[in-house]
Amino acid sequence: MTHENNRSKGCGCGIGTFGIGSVIAMIISFTSWHSIPWMLFHGFLGWIYIIYYILTYGF
């Protein structure tokens, strides 16, 4: 048994534990508020923040 069998077979497309919703939320947050703490908080919320932003401010 080689070490290659124990490695994950993912595509390597992800950014750590952040999904695409979190990344989009972080981008929207930083461009809107210019604050790294808010960016991280909104990135944690992910799609919830994106839906809130669209409902509140529109596209």
PDB file of N, CA and C in Angstrom:
ATOM      1  N   MET A   1       0.854  -1.181   0.000  1.00  0.00           N
ATOM      2  CA  MET A   1       0.000   0.000   0.000  1.00  0.00           C
ATOM      3  C   MET A   1       0.894   1.237   0.000  1.00  0.00           C
ATOM      4  N   THR A   2       0.650   2.134  -0.922  1.00  0.00           N
ATOM      5  CA  THR A   2       1.453   3.353  -1.012  1.00  0.00           C
ATOM      6  C   THR A   2       0.738   4.509  -0.344  1.00  0.00           C
ATOM      7  N   HIS A   3       1.466   5.593  -0.167  1.00  0.00           N
ATOM      8  CA  HIS A   3       0.884   6.785   0.438  1.00  0.00           C
ATOM      9  C   HIS A   3      -0.138   7.451  -0.476  1.00  0.00           C
ATOM     10  N   GLU A   4      -0.029   7.232  -1.764  1.00  0.00           N
ATOM     11  CA  GLU A   4      -0.956   7.856  -2.703  1.00  0.00           C
ATOM     12  C   GLU A   4      -2.381   7.371  -2.501  1.00  0.00           C
ATOM     13  N   ASN A   5      -2.557   6.168  -1.998  1.00  0.00           N
ATOM     14  CA  ASN A   5      -3.902   5.648  -1.778  1.00  0.00           C
ATOM     15  C   ASN A   5      -4.614   6.369  -0.641  1.00  0.00           C
ATOM     16  N   ASN A   6      -3.869   7.002   0.266  1.00  0.00           N
ATOM     17  CA  ASN A   6      -4.467   7.681   1.404  1.00  0.00           C
ATOM     18  C   ASN A   6      -4.793   9.139   1.123  1.00  0.00           C
ATOM     19  N   ARG A   7      -4.375   9.673   0.025  1.00  0.00           N
ATOM     20  CA  ARG A   7      -4.624  11.071  -0.308  1.00  0.00           C
ATOM     21  C   ARG A   7      -6.044  11.246  -0.829  1.00  0.00           C
ATOM     22  N   SER A   8      -6.588  12.445  -0.597  1.00  0.00           N
ATOM     23  CA  SER A   8      -7.915  12.722  -1.144  1.00  0.00           C
ATOM     24  C   SER A   8      -7.799  12.908  -2.653  1.00  0.00           C
ATOM     25  N   LYS A   9      -8.855  12.596  -3.335  1.00  0.00           N
ATOM     26  CA  LYS A   9      -8.846  12.648  -4.801  1.00  0.00           C
ATOM     27  C   LYS A   9      -9.592  13.871  -5.322  1.00  0.00           C
ATOM     28  N   GLY A  10      -9.726  14.928  -4.491  1.00  0.00           N
ATOM     29  CA  GLY A  10     -10.437  16.136  -4.907  1.00  0.00           C
ATOM     30  C   GLY A  10      -9.695  16.870  -6.003  1.00  0.00           C
ATOM     31  N   CYS A  11     -10.379  17.816  -6.602  1.00  0.00           N
ATOM     32  CA  CYS A  11      -9.779  18.567  -7.708  1.00  0.00           C
ATOM     33  C   CYS A  11      -8.862  19.680  -7.221  1.00  0.00           C
ATOM     34  N   GLY A  12      -8.890  19.995  -5.918  1.00  0.00           N
ATOM     35  CA  GLY A  12      -8.077  21.091  -5.414  1.00  0.00           C
ATOM     36  C   GLY A  12      -8.667  22.448  -5.743  1.00  0.00           C
ATOM     37  N   CYS A  13      -9.944  22.486  -6.052  1.00  0.00           N
ATOM     38  CA  CYS A  13     -10.605  23.727  -6.459  1.00  0.00           C
ATOM     39  C   CYS A  13     -11.043  24.566  -5.272  1.00  0.00           C
ATOM     40  N   GLY A  14     -11.178  23.979  -4.108  1.00  0.00           N
ATOM     41  CA  GLY A  14     -11.679  24.692  -2.944  1.00  0.00           C
ATOM     42  C   GLY A  14     -10.637  25.615  -2.348  1.00  0.00           C
ATOM     43  N   ILE A  15     -11.097  26.493  -1.502  1.00  0.00           N
ATOM     44  CA  ILE A  15     -10.201  27.420  -0.818  1.00  0.00           C
ATOM     45  C   ILE A  15     -10.298  27.092   0.661  1.00  0.00           C
ATOM     46  N   GLY A  16      -9.586  26.066   1.086  1.00  0.00           N
ATOM     47  CA  GLY A  16      -9.656  25.652   2.479  1.00  0.00           C
ATOM     48  C   GLY A  16     -11.050  25.172   2.824  1.00  0.00           C
ATOM     49  N   THR A  17     -11.618  25.721   3.880  1.00  0.00           N
ATOM     50  CA  THR A  17     -12.958  25.322   4.290  1.00  0.00           C
ATOM     51  C   THR A  17     -14.030  26.259   3.749  1.00  0.00           C
ATOM     52  N   PHE A  18     -13.631  27.247   2.956  1.00  0.00           N
ATOM     53  CA  PHE A  18     -14.590  28.197   2.407  1.00  0.00           C
ATOM     54  C   PHE A  18     -15.166  27.666   1.105  1.00  0.00           C
ATOM     55  N   GLY A  19     -16.478  27.690   1.004  1.00  0.00           N
ATOM     56  CA  GLY A  19     -17.154  27.335  -0.231  1.00  0.00           C
ATOM     57  C   GLY A  19     -17.348  28.567  -1.086  1.00  0.00           C
ATOM     58  N   ILE A  20     -17.963  28.381  -2.231  1.00  0.00           N
ATOM     59  CA  ILE A  20     -18.155  29.491  -3.153  1.00  0.00           C
ATOM     60  C   ILE A  20     -19.087  30.548  -2.564  1.00  0.00           C
ATOM     61  N   GLY A  21     -20.078  30.135  -1.777  1.00  0.00           N
ATOM     62  CA  GLY A  21     -20.972  31.095  -1.138  1.00  0.00           C
ATOM     63  C   GLY A  21     -20.244  31.989  -0.160  1.00  0.00           C
ATOM     64  N   SER A  22     -19.328  31.413   0.599  1.00  0.00           N
ATOM     65  CA  SER A  22     -18.551  32.199   1.555  1.00  0.00           C
ATOM     66  C   SER A  22     -17.637  33.180   0.851  1.00  0.00           C
ATOM     67  N   VAL A  23     -17.024  32.744  -0.220  1.00  0.00           N
ATOM     68  CA  VAL A  23     -16.120  33.624  -0.965  1.00  0.00           C
ATOM     69  C   VAL A  23     -16.888  34.793  -1.581  1.00  0.00           C
ATOM     70  N   ILE A  24     -18.060  34.517  -2.160  1.00  0.00           N
ATOM     71  CA  ILE A  24     -18.867  35.585  -2.746  1.00  0.00           C
ATOM     72  C   ILE A  24     -19.316  36.552  -1.651  1.00  0.00           C
ATOM     73  N   ALA A  25     -19.749  36.017  -0.509  1.00  0.00           N
ATOM     74  CA  ALA A  25     -20.181  36.866   0.602  1.00  0.00           C
ATOM     75  C   ALA A  25     -19.040  37.750   1.088  1.00  0.00           C
ATOM     76  N   MET A  26     -17.833  37.207   1.155  1.00  0.00           N
ATOM     77  CA  MET A  26     -16.679  37.989   1.597  1.00  0.00           C
ATOM     78  C   MET A  26     -16.356  39.104   0.609  1.00  0.00           C
ATOM     79  N   ILE A  27     -16.455  38.825  -0.672  1.00  0.00           N
ATOM     80  CA  ILE A  27     -16.178  39.844  -1.688  1.00  0.00           C
ATOM     81  C   ILE A  27     -17.218  40.956  -1.623  1.00  0.00           C
ATOM     82  N   ILE A  28     -18.500  40.576  -1.550  1.00  0.00           N
ATOM     83  CA  ILE A  28     -19.563  41.583  -1.453  1.00  0.00           C
ATOM     84  C   ILE A  28     -19.366  42.428  -0.204  1.00  0.00           C
ATOM     85  N   SER A  29     -19.093  41.777   0.916  1.00  0.00           N
ATOM     86  CA  SER A  29     -18.944  42.479   2.184  1.00  0.00           C
ATOM     87  C   SER A  29     -17.780  43.461   2.147  1.00  0.00           C
ATOM     88  N   PHE A  30     -16.634  43.021   1.653  1.00  0.00           N
ATOM     89  CA  PHE A  30     -15.461  43.910   1.659  1.00  0.00           C
ATOM     90  C   PHE A  30     -15.628  45.087   0.718  1.00  0.00           C
ATOM     91  N   THR A  31     -16.237  44.848  -0.458  1.00  0.00           N
ATOM     92  CA  THR A  31     -16.435  45.960  -1.383  1.00  0.00           C
ATOM     93  C   THR A  31     -17.498  46.932  -0.870  1.00  0.00           C
ATOM     94  N   SER A  32     -18.429  46.449  -0.055  1.00  0.00           N
ATOM     95  CA  SER A  32     -19.473  47.325   0.489  1.00  0.00           C
ATOM     96  C   SER A  32     -19.022  48.068   1.735  1.00  0.00           C
ATOM     97  N   TRP A  33     -18.373  47.381   2.656  1.00  0.00           N
ATOM     98  CA  TRP A  33     -18.082  47.949   3.973  1.00  0.00           C
ATOM     99  C   TRP A  33     -16.607  48.248   4.207  1.00  0.00           C
ATOM    100  N   HIS A  34     -15.695  47.742   3.398  1.00  0.00           N
ATOM    101  CA  HIS A  34     -14.248  47.975   3.528  1.00  0.00           C
ATOM    102  C   HIS A  34     -13.743  47.641   4.933  1.00  0.00           C
ATOM    103  N   SER A  35     -14.201  46.506   5.462  1.00  0.00           N
ATOM    104  CA  SER A  35     -13.841  46.092   6.808  1.00  0.00           C
ATOM    105  C   SER A  35     -13.522  44.603   6.811  1.00  0.00           C
ATOM    106  N   ILE A  36     -12.333  44.262   7.265  1.00  0.00           N
ATOM    107  CA  ILE A  36     -11.933  42.860   7.313  1.00  0.00           C
ATOM    108  C   ILE A  36     -12.730  42.074   8.362  1.00  0.00           C
ATOM    109  N   PRO A  37     -12.971  42.619   9.575  1.00  0.00           N
ATOM    110  CA  PRO A  37     -13.802  41.857  10.524  1.00  0.00           C
ATOM    111  C   PRO A  37     -15.209  41.556   9.989  1.00  0.00           C
ATOM    112  N   TRP A  38     -15.859  42.539   9.341  1.00  0.00           N
ATOM    113  CA  TRP A  38     -17.173  42.282   8.753  1.00  0.00           C
ATOM    114  C   TRP A  38     -17.065  41.278   7.614  1.00  0.00           C
ATOM    115  N   MET A  39     -15.991  41.356   6.837  1.00  0.00           N
ATOM    116  CA  MET A  39     -15.792  40.426   5.740  1.00  0.00           C
ATOM    117  C   MET A  39     -15.726  38.991   6.264  1.00  0.00           C
ATOM    118  N   LEU A  40     -14.985  38.773   7.337  1.00  0.00           N
ATOM    119  CA  LEU A  40     -14.878  37.434   7.910  1.00  0.00           C
ATOM    120  C   LEU A  40     -16.209  36.956   8.485  1.00  0.00           C
ATOM    121  N   PHE A  41     -16.920  37.851   9.159  1.00  0.00           N
ATOM    122  CA  PHE A  41     -18.218  37.494   9.717  1.00  0.00           C
ATOM    123  C   PHE A  41     -19.211  37.121   8.624  1.00  0.00           C
ATOM    124  N   HIS A  42     -19.282  37.942   7.571  1.00  0.00           N
ATOM    125  CA  HIS A  42     -20.196  37.660   6.475  1.00  0.00           C
ATOM    126  C   HIS A  42     -19.768  36.422   5.695  1.00  0.00           C
ATOM    127  N   GLY A  43     -18.466  36.162   5.614  1.00  0.00           N
ATOM    128  CA  GLY A  43     -17.987  34.936   4.988  1.00  0.00           C
ATOM    129  C   GLY A  43     -18.423  33.708   5.759  1.00  0.00           C
ATOM    130  N   PHE A  44     -18.480  33.831   7.082  1.00  0.00           N
ATOM    131  CA  PHE A  44     -18.965  32.731   7.915  1.00  0.00           C
ATOM    132  C   PHE A  44     -20.446  32.459   7.638  1.00  0.00           C
ATOM    133  N   LEU A  45     -21.225  33.519   7.408  1.00  0.00           N
ATOM    134  CA  LEU A  45     -22.649  33.348   7.131  1.00  0.00           C
ATOM    135  C   LEU A  45     -22.906  32.817   5.716  1.00  0.00           C
ATOM    136  N   GLY A  46     -22.032  33.155   4.781  1.00  0.00           N
ATOM    137  CA  GLY A  46     -22.116  32.630   3.417  1.00  0.00           C
ATOM    138  C   GLY A  46     -23.370  33.031   2.680  1.00  0.00           C
ATOM    139  N   TRP A  47     -24.134  32.028   2.219  1.00  0.00           N
ATOM    140  CA  TRP A  47     -25.310  32.274   1.399  1.00  0.00           C
ATOM    141  C   TRP A  47     -26.376  33.075   2.130  1.00  0.00           C
ATOM    142  N   ILE A  48     -26.436  32.995   3.449  1.00  0.00           N
ATOM    143  CA  ILE A  48     -27.413  33.771   4.211  1.00  0.00           C
ATOM    144  C   ILE A  48     -27.174  35.263   3.980  1.00  0.00           C
ATOM    145  N   TYR A  49     -25.906  35.684   4.036  1.00  0.00           N
ATOM    146  CA  TYR A  49     -25.597  37.104   3.805  1.00  0.00           C
ATOM    147  C   TYR A  49     -25.867  37.503   2.361  1.00  0.00           C
ATOM    148  N   ILE A  50     -25.586  36.637   1.414  1.00  0.00           N
ATOM    149  CA  ILE A  50     -25.825  36.956   0.007  1.00  0.00           C
ATOM    150  C   ILE A  50     -27.317  37.189  -0.235  1.00  0.00           C
ATOM    151  N   ILE A  51     -28.161  36.314   0.289  1.00  0.00           N
ATOM    152  CA  ILE A  51     -29.605  36.464   0.128  1.00  0.00           C
ATOM    153  C   ILE A  51     -30.081  37.740   0.817  1.00  0.00           C
ATOM    154  N   TYR A  52     -29.595  38.003   2.019  1.00  0.00           N
ATOM    155  CA  TYR A  52     -29.953  39.227   2.730  1.00  0.00           C
ATOM    156  C   TYR A  52     -29.550  40.465   1.923  1.00  0.00           C
ATOM    157  N   TYR A  53     -28.341  40.461   1.387  1.00  0.00           N
ATOM    158  CA  TYR A  53     -27.847  41.610   0.633  1.00  0.00           C
ATOM    159  C   TYR A  53     -28.698  41.860  -0.611  1.00  0.00           C
ATOM    160  N   ILE A  54     -29.039  40.799  -1.320  1.00  0.00           N
ATOM    161  CA  ILE A  54     -29.852  40.943  -2.528  1.00  0.00           C
ATOM    162  C   ILE A  54     -31.250  41.448  -2.184  1.00  0.00           C
ATOM    163  N   LEU A  55     -31.853  40.912  -1.125  1.00  0.00           N
ATOM    164  CA  LEU A  55     -33.190  41.363  -0.734  1.00  0.00           C
ATOM    165  C   LEU A  55     -33.187  42.807  -0.246  1.00  0.00           C
ATOM    166  N   THR A  56     -32.105  43.212   0.404  1.00  0.00           N
ATOM    167  CA  THR A  56     -32.041  44.561   0.979  1.00  0.00           C
ATOM    168  C   THR A  56     -31.616  45.604  -0.054  1.00  0.00           C
ATOM    169  N   TYR A  57     -30.547  45.333  -0.799  1.00  0.00           N
ATOM    170  CA  TYR A  57     -29.961  46.324  -1.703  1.00  0.00           C
ATOM    171  C   TYR A  57     -30.183  46.034  -3.168  1.00  0.00           C
ATOM    172  N   GLY A  58     -30.689  44.886  -3.508  1.00  0.00           N
ATOM    173  CA  GLY A  58     -30.892  44.492  -4.902  1.00  0.00           C
ATOM    174  C   GLY A  58     -29.581  44.084  -5.566  1.00  0.00           C
ATOM    175  N   PHE A  59     -29.646  43.868  -6.859  1.00  0.00           N
ATOM    176  CA  PHE A  59     -28.447  43.473  -7.590  1.00  0.00           C
ATOM    177  C   PHE A  59     -27.610  44.691  -7.790  1.00  0.00           C
TER     178      PHE A  59
END
